[in-house]
C-alpha atoms as a PDB file:
ATOM      1  CA  LYS A   1      86.393 115.335  95.190  1.00  0.00           C
ATOM      2  CA  GLY A   2      90.114 115.842  94.358  1.00  0.00           C
ATOM      3  CA  ASP A   3      92.280 113.482  92.139  1.00  0.00           C
ATOM      4  CA  VAL A   4      93.261 109.277  93.667  1.00  0.00           C
ATOM      5  CA  ILE A   5      94.897 106.721  91.749  1.00  0.00           C
ATOM      6  CA  PHE A   6      93.940 102.814  92.558  1.00  0.00           C
ATOM      7  CA  ASP A   7      96.704 100.451  92.359  1.00  0.00           C
ATOM      8  CA  VAL A   8      93.986  97.642  92.391  1.00  0.00           C
ATOM      9  CA  LYS A   9      94.078  94.664  89.651  1.00  0.00           C
ATOM     10  CA  LEU A  10      89.816  94.918  89.736  1.00  0.00           C
ATOM     11  CA  SER A  11      90.128  99.094  89.467  1.00  0.00           C
ATOM     12  CA  LEU A  12      90.011  98.953  85.647  1.00  0.00           C
ATOM     13  CA  HIS A  13      86.590  96.958  85.400  1.00  0.00           C
ATOM     14  CA  MET A  14      84.967  97.934  89.150  1.00  0.00           C
ATOM     15  CA  ILE A  15      85.400 101.355  88.934  1.00  0.00           C
ATOM     16  CA  ARG A  16      83.131 102.326  86.185  1.00  0.00           C
ATOM     17  CA  TYR A  17      83.665 106.265  85.443  1.00  0.00           C
ATOM     18  CA  ALA A  18      87.847 106.853  86.822  1.00  0.00           C
ATOM     19  CA  LYS A  19      89.323 108.298  84.201  1.00  0.00           C
ATOM     20  CA  PRO A  20      92.061 107.657  82.573  1.00  0.00           C
ATOM     21  CA  LYS A  21      92.368 103.784  83.743  1.00  0.00           C
ATOM     22  CA  ILE A  22      95.832 102.927  83.118  1.00  0.00           C
ATOM     23  CA  TRP A  23      97.194  99.483  82.322  1.00  0.00           C
ATOM     24  CA  LEU A  24     100.578  98.328  83.121  1.00  0.00           C
ATOM     25  CA  THR A  25     101.266  94.446  81.989  1.00  0.00           C
ATOM     26  CA  ALA A  26     104.711  92.955  81.597  1.00  0.00           C
ATOM     27  CA  SER A  27     105.870  89.908  79.455  1.00  0.00           C
ATOM     28  CA  PRO A  28     105.230  86.388  80.938  1.00  0.00           C
ATOM     29  CA  ASP A  29     109.087  86.005  81.305  1.00  0.00           C
ATOM     30  CA  GLU A  30     109.581  89.490  82.931  1.00  0.00           C
ATOM     31  CA  ARG A  31     107.242  88.399  85.721  1.00  0.00           C
ATOM     32  CA  VAL A  32     108.763  85.450  86.104  1.00  0.00           C
ATOM     33  CA  ARG A  33     111.758  87.226  86.237  1.00  0.00           C
ATOM     34  CA  ARG A  34     111.083  90.227  88.545  1.00  0.00           C
ATOM     35  CA  THR A  35     109.200  88.082  91.587  1.00  0.00           C
ATOM     36  CA  ALA A  36     112.081  86.514  91.168  1.00  0.00           C
ATOM     37  CA  LYS A  37     114.616  89.385  92.220  1.00  0.00           C
ATOM     38  CA  ARG A  38     111.723  90.758  94.414  1.00  0.00           C
ATOM     39  CA  ASP A  39     111.587  87.400  96.478  1.00  0.00           C
ATOM     40  CA  SER A  40     114.801  85.822  96.250  1.00  0.00           C
ATOM     41  CA  ILE A  41     113.901  82.722  94.733  1.00  0.00           C
ATOM     42  CA  SER A  42     115.033  80.896  91.489  1.00  0.00           C
ATOM     43  CA  LEU A  43     113.117  81.756  88.133  1.00  0.00           C
ATOM     44  CA  GLU A  44     111.104  78.291  88.523  1.00  0.00           C
ATOM     45  CA  ARG A  45     109.796  79.207  92.130  1.00  0.00           C
ATOM     46  CA  ALA A  46     108.949  82.000  90.947  1.00  0.00           C
ATOM     47  CA  LYS A  47     106.495  80.810  87.617  1.00  0.00           C
ATOM     48  CA  GLU A  48     104.914  78.721  89.315  1.00  0.00           C
ATOM     49  CA  ILE A  49     104.185  81.070  92.011  1.00  0.00           C
ATOM     50  CA  LEU A  50     102.966  83.015  88.893  1.00  0.00           C
ATOM     51  CA  GLU A  51     101.104  79.863  86.824  1.00  0.00           C
ATOM     52  CA  LYS A  52      98.769  79.088  90.199  1.00  0.00           C
ATOM     53  CA  ARG A  53      97.768  82.563  91.214  1.00  0.00           C
ATOM     54  CA  GLN A  54      97.142  83.276  88.031  1.00  0.00           C
ATOM     55  CA  ALA A  55      94.801  80.369  87.090  1.00  0.00           C
ATOM     56  CA  ILE A  56      92.758  80.375  90.393  1.00  0.00           C
ATOM     57  CA  GLU A  57      92.076  84.718  90.057  1.00  0.00           C
ATOM     58  CA  ARG A  58      90.785  84.322  86.343  1.00  0.00           C
ATOM     59  CA  ASP A  59      88.867  80.987  88.106  1.00  0.00           C
ATOM     60  CA  GLU A  60      87.616  83.539  90.975  1.00  0.00           C
ATOM     61  CA  TRP A  61      86.747  86.448  89.833  1.00  0.00           C
ATOM     62  CA  LYS A  62      85.478  84.559  86.498  1.00  0.00           C
ATOM     63  CA  LYS A  63      83.055  82.988  89.606  1.00  0.00           C
ATOM     64  CA  ILE A  64      82.081  86.199  91.476  1.00  0.00           C
ATOM     65  CA  TYR A  65      82.419  89.149  89.184  1.00  0.00           C
ATOM     66  CA  LYS A  66      81.199  87.347  85.996  1.00  0.00           C
ATOM     67  CA  ILE A  67      84.582  88.469  84.241  1.00  0.00           C
ATOM     68  CA  ASP A  68      87.850  87.259  82.809  1.00  0.00           C
ATOM     69  CA  TYR A  69      91.452  89.223  84.220  1.00  0.00           C
ATOM     70  CA  PHE A  70      92.415  89.462  81.519  1.00  0.00           C
ATOM     71  CA  SER A  71      89.474  90.792  79.582  1.00  0.00           C
ATOM     72  CA  GLN A  72      89.953  94.344  81.583  1.00  0.00           C
ATOM     73  CA  GLU A  73      92.946  95.980  79.741  1.00  0.00           C
ATOM     74  CA  LYS A  74      90.665  95.988  76.689  1.00  0.00           C
ATOM     75  CA  GLU A  75      88.766  98.761  79.749  1.00  0.00           C
ATOM     76  CA  ALA A  76      91.835 100.594  79.472  1.00  0.00           C
ATOM     77  CA  ASP A  77      92.301 103.947  78.451  1.00  0.00           C
ATOM     78  CA  LEU A  78      96.203 103.536  78.279  1.00  0.00           C
ATOM     79  CA  VAL A  79      97.809 100.273  78.131  1.00  0.00           C
ATOM     80  CA  ILE A  80     102.038 100.131  78.598  1.00  0.00           C
ATOM     81  CA  ASP A  81     104.112  97.332  78.372  1.00  0.00           C
ATOM     82  CA  THR A  82     107.238  97.938  81.301  1.00  0.00           C
ATOM     83  CA  SER A  83     109.196  95.040  80.389  1.00  0.00           C
ATOM     84  CA  ASP A  84     111.490  96.660  78.868  1.00  0.00           C
ATOM     85  CA  LEU A  85     110.616  99.900  81.704  1.00  0.00           C
ATOM     86  CA  THR A  86     112.396 101.193  83.917  1.00  0.00           C
ATOM     87  CA  SER A  87     109.713 102.852  86.625  1.00  0.00           C
ATOM     88  CA  GLU A  88     110.549 105.811  85.707  1.00  0.00           C
ATOM     89  CA  GLN A  89     109.479 105.594  81.806  1.00  0.00           C
ATOM     90  CA  VAL A  90     106.888 104.196  82.470  1.00  0.00           C
ATOM     91  CA  VAL A  91     106.095 107.660  85.183  1.00  0.00           C
ATOM     92  CA  LEU A  92     107.396 110.548  81.951  1.00  0.00           C
ATOM     93  CA  LYS A  93     105.019 107.694  79.678  1.00  0.00           C
ATOM     94  CA  ILE A  94     101.659 108.045  81.845  1.00  0.00           C
ATOM     95  CA  ILE A  95     102.536 111.506  81.953  1.00  0.00           C
ATOM     96  CA  ASN A  96     103.092 111.851  78.758  1.00  0.00           C
ATOM     97  CA  SER A  97      99.867 110.506  77.951  1.00  0.00           C
ATOM     98  CA  LEU A  98      98.050 113.026  80.963  1.00  0.00           C
ATOM     99  CA  ASN A  99      99.867 115.571  79.056  1.00  0.00           C
ATOM    100  CA  GLY A 100      98.580 114.433  74.892  1.00  0.00           C
ATOM    101  CA  LYS A 101     102.309 114.041  74.248  1.00  0.00           C
ATOM    102  CA  VAL A 102     102.015 110.135  73.675  1.00  0.00           C
END
């Protein structure tokens, strides 16, 4: 009972009854930039790590769950491209969506 927030890559696919389903995305370049900043590594190293992890996840998820990682976005009620947004702007978009102000 009550409200719950799941922050899991597989949640859109695995928790079918959840509403609303929100998918946060960012451009590949922005994901690389954020990873490099967070981990204090070069952009090149961050890109290498992200590409490798994504390839492994896509392969494993297809084998285990019979889904493509990227197909989950289609299951979302709301998709937000966070590439050019602050975390505060993302939260505001979610709140506005929940309040019907989109």
